[in-house]
N, C-alpha and C. Protein backbone atom coordinates (compact mmCIF):
# COMPACT_ATOMS: atom_id res chain seq x y z
N MET A 1 97.11 111.05 117.61
CA MET A 1 98.05 111.82 118.39
C MET A 1 97.51 113.24 118.57
N ILE A 2 97.62 113.75 119.76
CA ILE A 2 97.20 115.13 120.04
C ILE A 2 98.29 116.08 119.56
N VAL A 3 97.91 117.01 118.70
CA VAL A 3 98.85 117.99 118.16
C VAL A 3 98.77 119.28 118.98
N CYS A 4 97.57 119.75 119.23
CA CYS A 4 97.37 120.98 120.00
C CYS A 4 96.93 120.60 121.41
N LEU A 5 97.84 120.71 122.35
CA LEU A 5 97.53 120.35 123.73
C LEU A 5 96.57 121.33 124.38
N CYS A 6 96.68 122.60 124.02
CA CYS A 6 95.81 123.62 124.63
C CYS A 6 94.34 123.37 124.33
N LYS A 7 94.05 122.99 123.09
CA LYS A 7 92.66 122.80 122.65
C LYS A 7 92.29 121.34 122.51
N GLY A 8 93.25 120.42 122.69
CA GLY A 8 92.98 118.99 122.60
C GLY A 8 92.62 118.53 121.20
N VAL A 9 93.31 119.07 120.19
CA VAL A 9 93.00 118.74 118.80
C VAL A 9 93.98 117.68 118.30
N SER A 10 93.43 116.64 117.72
CA SER A 10 94.25 115.52 117.25
C SER A 10 94.74 115.74 115.81
N SER A 11 95.73 114.94 115.46
CA SER A 11 96.25 114.98 114.09
C SER A 11 95.17 114.56 113.10
N ARG A 12 94.29 113.67 113.49
CA ARG A 12 93.20 113.23 112.61
C ARG A 12 92.30 114.40 112.23
N VAL A 13 91.95 115.21 113.21
CA VAL A 13 91.08 116.37 112.95
C VAL A 13 91.77 117.34 112.00
N ILE A 14 93.04 117.59 112.22
CA ILE A 14 93.79 118.52 111.37
C ILE A 14 93.89 117.96 109.95
N LEU A 15 94.22 116.69 109.81
CA LEU A 15 94.34 116.09 108.49
C LEU A 15 92.99 116.05 107.77
N ASP A 16 91.91 115.84 108.51
CA ASP A 16 90.58 115.89 107.90
C ASP A 16 90.31 117.28 107.32
N GLU A 17 90.72 118.32 108.04
CA GLU A 17 90.55 119.69 107.54
C GLU A 17 91.37 119.92 106.27
N VAL A 18 92.59 119.42 106.26
CA VAL A 18 93.45 119.58 105.07
C VAL A 18 92.82 118.87 103.89
N ARG A 19 92.29 117.68 104.11
CA ARG A 19 91.64 116.93 103.03
C ARG A 19 90.41 117.66 102.49
N ARG A 20 89.78 118.47 103.32
CA ARG A 20 88.63 119.26 102.89
C ARG A 20 89.07 120.51 102.11
N GLY A 21 90.38 120.72 102.02
CA GLY A 21 90.89 121.86 101.27
C GLY A 21 91.34 123.01 102.15
N ASN A 22 91.30 122.81 103.45
CA ASN A 22 91.71 123.84 104.39
C ASN A 22 93.23 123.76 104.55
N CYS A 23 93.98 124.54 103.79
CA CYS A 23 95.42 124.37 103.69
C CYS A 23 96.24 125.53 104.22
N THR A 24 95.71 126.28 105.17
CA THR A 24 96.50 127.32 105.84
C THR A 24 96.38 127.10 107.34
N VAL A 25 97.38 127.55 108.06
CA VAL A 25 97.35 127.43 109.51
C VAL A 25 96.17 128.25 110.06
N LYS A 26 95.93 129.41 109.48
CA LYS A 26 94.81 130.24 109.93
C LYS A 26 93.48 129.52 109.72
N GLY A 27 93.33 128.89 108.57
CA GLY A 27 92.11 128.16 108.28
C GLY A 27 91.89 127.00 109.24
N ILE A 28 92.96 126.30 109.55
CA ILE A 28 92.88 125.19 110.51
C ILE A 28 92.48 125.74 111.87
N ALA A 29 93.09 126.84 112.27
CA ALA A 29 92.78 127.44 113.57
C ALA A 29 91.32 127.87 113.65
N GLN A 30 90.80 128.43 112.58
CA GLN A 30 89.40 128.85 112.57
C GLN A 30 88.46 127.66 112.62
N ALA A 31 88.84 126.57 111.95
CA ALA A 31 87.97 125.40 111.87
C ALA A 31 87.93 124.58 113.16
N CYS A 32 89.10 124.42 113.81
CA CYS A 32 89.12 123.51 114.96
C CYS A 32 89.85 124.07 116.17
N GLN A 33 90.27 125.32 116.11
CA GLN A 33 90.93 126.03 117.21
C GLN A 33 92.39 125.64 117.43
N ALA A 34 92.92 124.67 116.71
CA ALA A 34 94.32 124.27 116.88
C ALA A 34 95.24 125.43 116.52
N GLY A 35 96.19 125.73 117.38
CA GLY A 35 97.15 126.79 117.12
C GLY A 35 96.73 128.17 117.58
N ARG A 36 95.58 128.28 118.21
CA ARG A 36 95.07 129.60 118.60
C ARG A 36 95.54 130.07 119.97
N SER A 37 96.02 129.19 120.81
CA SER A 37 96.41 129.61 122.16
C SER A 37 97.89 129.96 122.25
N CYS A 38 98.72 129.01 122.61
CA CYS A 38 100.13 129.32 122.84
C CYS A 38 100.96 129.35 121.56
N GLY A 39 100.50 128.67 120.50
CA GLY A 39 101.20 128.68 119.23
C GLY A 39 102.30 127.64 119.09
N THR A 40 102.52 126.84 120.11
CA THR A 40 103.57 125.83 120.06
C THR A 40 103.36 124.82 118.94
N CYS A 41 102.13 124.51 118.62
CA CYS A 41 101.82 123.49 117.62
C CYS A 41 101.79 124.01 116.19
N VAL A 42 101.94 125.30 115.98
CA VAL A 42 101.81 125.88 114.65
C VAL A 42 102.80 125.27 113.66
N SER A 43 104.03 125.07 114.08
CA SER A 43 105.02 124.49 113.15
C SER A 43 104.65 123.06 112.79
N GLN A 44 104.10 122.33 113.73
CA GLN A 44 103.68 120.96 113.45
C GLN A 44 102.46 120.94 112.52
N ILE A 45 101.54 121.86 112.72
CA ILE A 45 100.38 121.98 111.84
C ILE A 45 100.85 122.31 110.43
N ARG A 46 101.77 123.26 110.30
CA ARG A 46 102.31 123.65 109.00
C ARG A 46 102.95 122.44 108.31
N GLU A 47 103.71 121.68 109.06
CA GLU A 47 104.36 120.49 108.53
C GLU A 47 103.33 119.45 108.07
N MET A 48 102.27 119.29 108.83
CA MET A 48 101.21 118.35 108.45
C MET A 48 100.52 118.78 107.17
N ILE A 49 100.30 120.08 107.00
CA ILE A 49 99.69 120.60 105.78
C ILE A 49 100.59 120.28 104.59
N GLN A 50 101.87 120.54 104.73
CA GLN A 50 102.82 120.30 103.64
C GLN A 50 102.89 118.82 103.30
N THR A 51 102.94 117.97 104.29
CA THR A 51 103.03 116.53 104.09
C THR A 51 101.77 115.98 103.41
N ALA A 52 100.63 116.56 103.75
CA ALA A 52 99.35 116.09 103.20
C ALA A 52 99.05 116.65 101.82
N GLY A 53 99.94 117.47 101.28
CA GLY A 53 99.75 117.94 99.92
C GLY A 53 99.33 119.38 99.77
N GLY A 54 99.20 120.12 100.86
CA GLY A 54 98.84 121.52 100.76
C GLY A 54 100.05 122.42 100.93
N GLY A 55 101.24 121.87 100.68
CA GLY A 55 102.51 122.51 100.98
C GLY A 55 102.71 123.91 100.47
N SER A 56 102.29 124.20 99.24
CA SER A 56 102.57 125.52 98.70
C SER A 56 101.76 126.61 99.37
N ARG A 57 100.71 126.23 100.09
CA ARG A 57 99.85 127.22 100.74
C ARG A 57 99.99 127.23 102.25
N ALA A 58 100.90 126.41 102.81
CA ALA A 58 101.03 126.33 104.26
C ALA A 58 101.84 127.51 104.80
N HIS A 59 101.18 128.36 105.56
CA HIS A 59 101.87 129.48 106.21
C HIS A 59 101.09 129.88 107.44
N ASP A 60 101.66 130.73 108.25
CA ASP A 60 101.07 131.08 109.54
C ASP A 60 99.79 131.90 109.44
N ASP A 61 99.73 132.83 108.57
CA ASP A 61 98.59 133.75 108.50
C ASP A 61 98.42 134.50 109.81
N GLY A 62 99.50 134.69 110.56
CA GLY A 62 99.40 135.43 111.82
C GLY A 62 98.82 134.66 112.98
N VAL A 63 98.81 133.33 112.90
CA VAL A 63 98.25 132.51 113.97
C VAL A 63 99.36 132.05 114.89
N GLY A 64 99.05 131.92 116.15
CA GLY A 64 100.00 131.40 117.12
C GLY A 64 100.33 132.43 118.17
N SER A 65 101.53 132.35 118.70
CA SER A 65 101.90 133.21 119.81
C SER A 65 101.92 134.69 119.44
N THR A 66 102.11 135.00 118.15
CA THR A 66 102.10 136.40 117.74
C THR A 66 100.78 136.81 117.12
N GLY A 67 99.88 135.84 116.94
CA GLY A 67 98.60 136.12 116.31
C GLY A 67 97.49 136.32 117.30
N SER A 68 96.27 136.35 116.81
CA SER A 68 95.11 136.54 117.68
C SER A 68 94.74 135.25 118.38
N ARG A 69 94.10 135.41 119.51
CA ARG A 69 93.71 134.22 120.27
C ARG A 69 92.25 134.03 120.25
């Protein structure tokens, strides 16, 4: 399933990053660009991090519509 429509990033790519230990929205954005454009997917990325076991570290880090692009 495509999570980030702006960058065309799938849930598989995001979950692969979380499994590698990348457990912040900012880290995911840096690794695969998901969440860097409009920010609509940031809440879904955060939820995926929490579900995959990185929950205590899942936060925006200033990424999304109010963060840098």
